[in-house]
Amino acid sequence: AIHAAKEKEKLEGALSGSTPPYRIFTWDDIVSATSSFSEDLRIGMGAYGVVYKCTLHYTTVAVKVLHSNGN
C-alpha cells in the first residue's frame, strides 16, 4: 500500500508539472531492465551499437549500447 501511494504521488507530480520531464537511470537499472543485455531483448543493431527493448519506470523503451571508440 505504501508503494502504491508513493507511485500515485509521483504520477500526480508528473501530471502537475512539479517533477522534471526526465529521469536519470543508473547503469545497474539498465543492466537489470535488459536482463544483462539478453539476446532475447535485442531488437536491432546499427553502425553505432546494439539496441535492446526493455521497461524502465513502467515505460517501454529502447536502450542503445554504443560501441567503444576502439571499435
N, C-alpha and C. Protein backbone atom coordinates (compact mmCIF):
# COMPACT_ATOMS: atom_id res chain seq x y z
N ALA A 1 0.82 -1.20 0.00
CA ALA A 1 0.00 0.00 0.00
C ALA A 1 0.87 1.26 0.00
N ILE A 2 1.97 1.22 0.74
CA ILE A 2 2.87 2.38 0.79
C ILE A 2 3.49 2.62 -0.57
N HIS A 3 3.91 1.53 -1.23
CA HIS A 3 4.50 1.66 -2.56
C HIS A 3 3.49 2.26 -3.54
N ALA A 4 2.26 1.79 -3.50
CA ALA A 4 1.22 2.31 -4.39
C ALA A 4 0.96 3.79 -4.14
N ALA A 5 0.99 4.21 -2.88
CA ALA A 5 0.78 5.62 -2.54
C ALA A 5 1.92 6.48 -3.08
N LYS A 6 3.16 5.97 -2.97
CA LYS A 6 4.31 6.73 -3.49
C LYS A 6 4.24 6.84 -5.01
N GLU A 7 3.86 5.77 -5.69
CA GLU A 7 3.73 5.81 -7.14
C GLU A 7 2.63 6.78 -7.56
N LYS A 8 1.52 6.78 -6.83
CA LYS A 8 0.43 7.72 -7.13
C LYS A 8 0.91 9.15 -6.96
N GLU A 9 1.69 9.41 -5.92
CA GLU A 9 2.23 10.74 -5.67
C GLU A 9 3.17 11.17 -6.81
N LYS A 10 4.00 10.25 -7.28
CA LYS A 10 4.91 10.54 -8.40
C LYS A 10 4.13 10.88 -9.66
N LEU A 11 3.09 10.07 -9.94
CA LEU A 11 2.29 10.31 -11.13
C LEU A 11 1.56 11.65 -11.05
N GLU A 12 1.01 11.96 -9.89
CA GLU A 12 0.32 13.24 -9.72
C GLU A 12 1.30 14.40 -9.89
N GLY A 13 2.51 14.24 -9.37
CA GLY A 13 3.53 15.27 -9.54
C GLY A 13 3.91 15.45 -10.99
N ALA A 14 4.01 14.35 -11.72
CA ALA A 14 4.36 14.42 -13.14
C ALA A 14 3.26 15.13 -13.93
N LEU A 15 2.02 14.84 -13.59
CA LEU A 15 0.90 15.47 -14.29
C LEU A 15 0.78 16.96 -13.96
N SER A 16 1.15 17.33 -12.77
CA SER A 16 1.03 18.73 -12.38
C SER A 16 2.23 19.56 -12.84
N GLY A 17 3.27 18.89 -13.31
CA GLY A 17 4.44 19.61 -13.81
C GLY A 17 5.45 19.95 -12.72
N SER A 18 5.30 19.40 -11.53
CA SER A 18 6.20 19.73 -10.44
C SER A 18 7.47 18.86 -10.44
N THR A 19 7.50 17.83 -11.29
CA THR A 19 8.68 16.99 -11.38
C THR A 19 9.32 17.18 -12.76
N PRO A 20 10.62 16.94 -12.88
CA PRO A 20 11.26 17.12 -14.19
C PRO A 20 10.71 16.12 -15.21
N PRO A 21 10.71 16.47 -16.51
CA PRO A 21 10.15 15.60 -17.54
C PRO A 21 11.12 14.49 -17.96
N TYR A 22 12.11 14.22 -17.15
CA TYR A 22 13.08 13.18 -17.45
C TYR A 22 13.46 12.46 -16.16
N ARG A 23 14.13 11.35 -16.34
CA ARG A 23 14.59 10.58 -15.18
C ARG A 23 15.97 10.03 -15.51
N ILE A 24 16.85 10.06 -14.57
CA ILE A 24 18.19 9.52 -14.75
C ILE A 24 18.22 8.11 -14.20
N PHE A 25 18.72 7.17 -15.01
CA PHE A 25 18.81 5.77 -14.60
C PHE A 25 20.27 5.40 -14.38
N THR A 26 20.50 4.55 -13.42
CA THR A 26 21.85 4.07 -13.15
C THR A 26 22.19 2.94 -14.11
N TRP A 27 23.47 2.64 -14.19
CA TRP A 27 23.92 1.51 -15.01
C TRP A 27 23.25 0.22 -14.50
N ASP A 28 23.15 0.06 -13.19
CA ASP A 28 22.52 -1.13 -12.62
C ASP A 28 21.05 -1.23 -13.03
N ASP A 29 20.34 -0.08 -13.10
CA ASP A 29 18.94 -0.07 -13.55
C ASP A 29 18.85 -0.61 -14.98
N ILE A 30 19.75 -0.16 -15.83
CA ILE A 30 19.74 -0.54 -17.25
C ILE A 30 20.11 -2.01 -17.41
N VAL A 31 21.13 -2.45 -16.70
CA VAL A 31 21.53 -3.87 -16.77
C VAL A 31 20.38 -4.76 -16.31
N SER A 32 19.73 -4.39 -15.24
CA SER A 32 18.60 -5.17 -14.72
C SER A 32 17.44 -5.18 -15.72
N ALA A 33 17.09 -4.02 -16.28
CA ALA A 33 15.96 -3.93 -17.20
C ALA A 33 16.20 -4.72 -18.48
N THR A 34 17.44 -4.81 -18.92
CA THR A 34 17.77 -5.54 -20.15
C THR A 34 18.17 -6.99 -19.87
N SER A 35 17.99 -7.43 -18.63
CA SER A 35 18.38 -8.79 -18.23
C SER A 35 19.82 -9.07 -18.64
N SER A 36 20.70 -8.14 -18.23
CA SER A 36 22.13 -8.22 -18.56
C SER A 36 22.37 -8.26 -20.07
N PHE A 37 21.59 -7.45 -20.78
CA PHE A 37 21.69 -7.32 -22.24
C PHE A 37 21.44 -8.65 -22.94
N SER A 38 20.33 -9.26 -22.56
CA SER A 38 19.92 -10.55 -23.10
C SER A 38 19.66 -10.46 -24.60
N GLU A 39 20.10 -11.48 -25.31
CA GLU A 39 19.84 -11.56 -26.75
C GLU A 39 18.33 -11.61 -27.03
N ASP A 40 17.55 -12.13 -26.08
CA ASP A 40 16.10 -12.19 -26.25
C ASP A 40 15.47 -10.80 -26.33
N LEU A 41 16.13 -9.79 -25.76
CA LEU A 41 15.60 -8.43 -25.76
C LEU A 41 16.24 -7.56 -26.84
N ARG A 42 17.14 -8.12 -27.59
CA ARG A 42 17.82 -7.36 -28.66
C ARG A 42 16.85 -7.14 -29.81
N ILE A 43 16.69 -5.88 -30.23
CA ILE A 43 15.75 -5.58 -31.31
C ILE A 43 16.44 -5.02 -32.55
N GLY A 44 17.73 -4.77 -32.46
CA GLY A 44 18.42 -4.27 -33.63
C GLY A 44 19.89 -4.01 -33.39
N MET A 45 20.58 -3.78 -34.50
CA MET A 45 21.99 -3.45 -34.43
C MET A 45 22.29 -2.50 -35.57
N GLY A 46 22.94 -1.40 -35.23
CA GLY A 46 23.27 -0.42 -36.25
C GLY A 46 24.75 -0.15 -36.27
N ALA A 47 25.12 0.87 -37.01
CA ALA A 47 26.52 1.23 -37.15
C ALA A 47 27.13 1.69 -35.83
N TYR A 48 26.29 2.19 -34.91
CA TYR A 48 26.82 2.75 -33.68
C TYR A 48 26.63 1.86 -32.45
N GLY A 49 25.84 0.79 -32.57
CA GLY A 49 25.66 -0.08 -31.42
C GLY A 49 24.44 -0.98 -31.52
N VAL A 50 24.21 -1.71 -30.45
CA VAL A 50 23.10 -2.67 -30.35
C VAL A 50 21.95 -2.03 -29.58
N VAL A 51 20.71 -2.33 -30.01
CA VAL A 51 19.52 -1.76 -29.38
C VAL A 51 18.73 -2.87 -28.70
N TYR A 52 18.32 -2.60 -27.46
CA TYR A 52 17.54 -3.55 -26.66
C TYR A 52 16.20 -2.92 -26.28
N LYS A 53 15.16 -3.74 -26.23
CA LYS A 53 13.85 -3.30 -25.77
C LYS A 53 13.72 -3.72 -24.31
N CYS A 54 13.29 -2.79 -23.47
CA CYS A 54 13.11 -3.12 -22.05
C CYS A 54 12.09 -2.16 -21.44
N THR A 55 11.85 -2.32 -20.16
CA THR A 55 10.92 -1.45 -19.44
C THR A 55 11.67 -0.77 -18.30
N LEU A 56 11.61 0.54 -18.28
CA LEU A 56 12.19 1.35 -17.22
C LEU A 56 11.11 2.26 -16.66
N HIS A 57 10.90 2.18 -15.38
CA HIS A 57 9.90 3.01 -14.69
C HIS A 57 8.53 2.91 -15.38
N TYR A 58 8.10 1.67 -15.63
CA TYR A 58 6.79 1.38 -16.21
C TYR A 58 6.62 1.88 -17.64
N THR A 59 7.72 2.14 -18.33
CA THR A 59 7.66 2.62 -19.71
C THR A 59 8.53 1.74 -20.59
N THR A 60 7.99 1.28 -21.72
CA THR A 60 8.77 0.50 -22.67
C THR A 60 9.70 1.45 -23.42
N VAL A 61 10.98 1.11 -23.41
CA VAL A 61 11.98 1.97 -24.04
C VAL A 61 12.95 1.13 -24.86
N ALA A 62 13.70 1.82 -25.71
CA ALA A 62 14.81 1.22 -26.44
C ALA A 62 16.09 1.76 -25.82
N VAL A 63 17.01 0.85 -25.54
CA VAL A 63 18.30 1.22 -24.97
C VAL A 63 19.37 0.88 -25.99
N LYS A 64 20.13 1.87 -26.40
CA LYS A 64 21.22 1.63 -27.35
C LYS A 64 22.54 1.62 -26.58
N VAL A 65 23.30 0.56 -26.81
CA VAL A 65 24.63 0.44 -26.22
C VAL A 65 25.62 0.77 -27.32
N LEU A 66 26.28 1.90 -27.18
CA LEU A 66 27.20 2.38 -28.21
C LEU A 66 28.50 1.61 -28.19
N HIS A 67 29.07 1.46 -29.39
CA HIS A 67 30.39 0.84 -29.49
C HIS A 67 31.41 1.75 -28.84
N SER A 68 32.46 1.17 -28.32
CA SER A 68 33.54 1.98 -27.75
C SER A 68 34.31 2.64 -28.89
N ASN A 69 35.13 3.61 -28.58
CA ASN A 69 35.92 4.32 -29.60
C ASN A 69 36.87 3.38 -30.33
N GLY A 70 37.23 2.29 -29.69
CA GLY A 70 38.18 1.35 -30.29
C GLY A 70 37.58 0.48 -31.37
N ASN A 71 36.26 0.45 -31.50
CA ASN A 71 35.60 -0.41 -32.49
C ASN A 71 35.17 0.33 -33.70
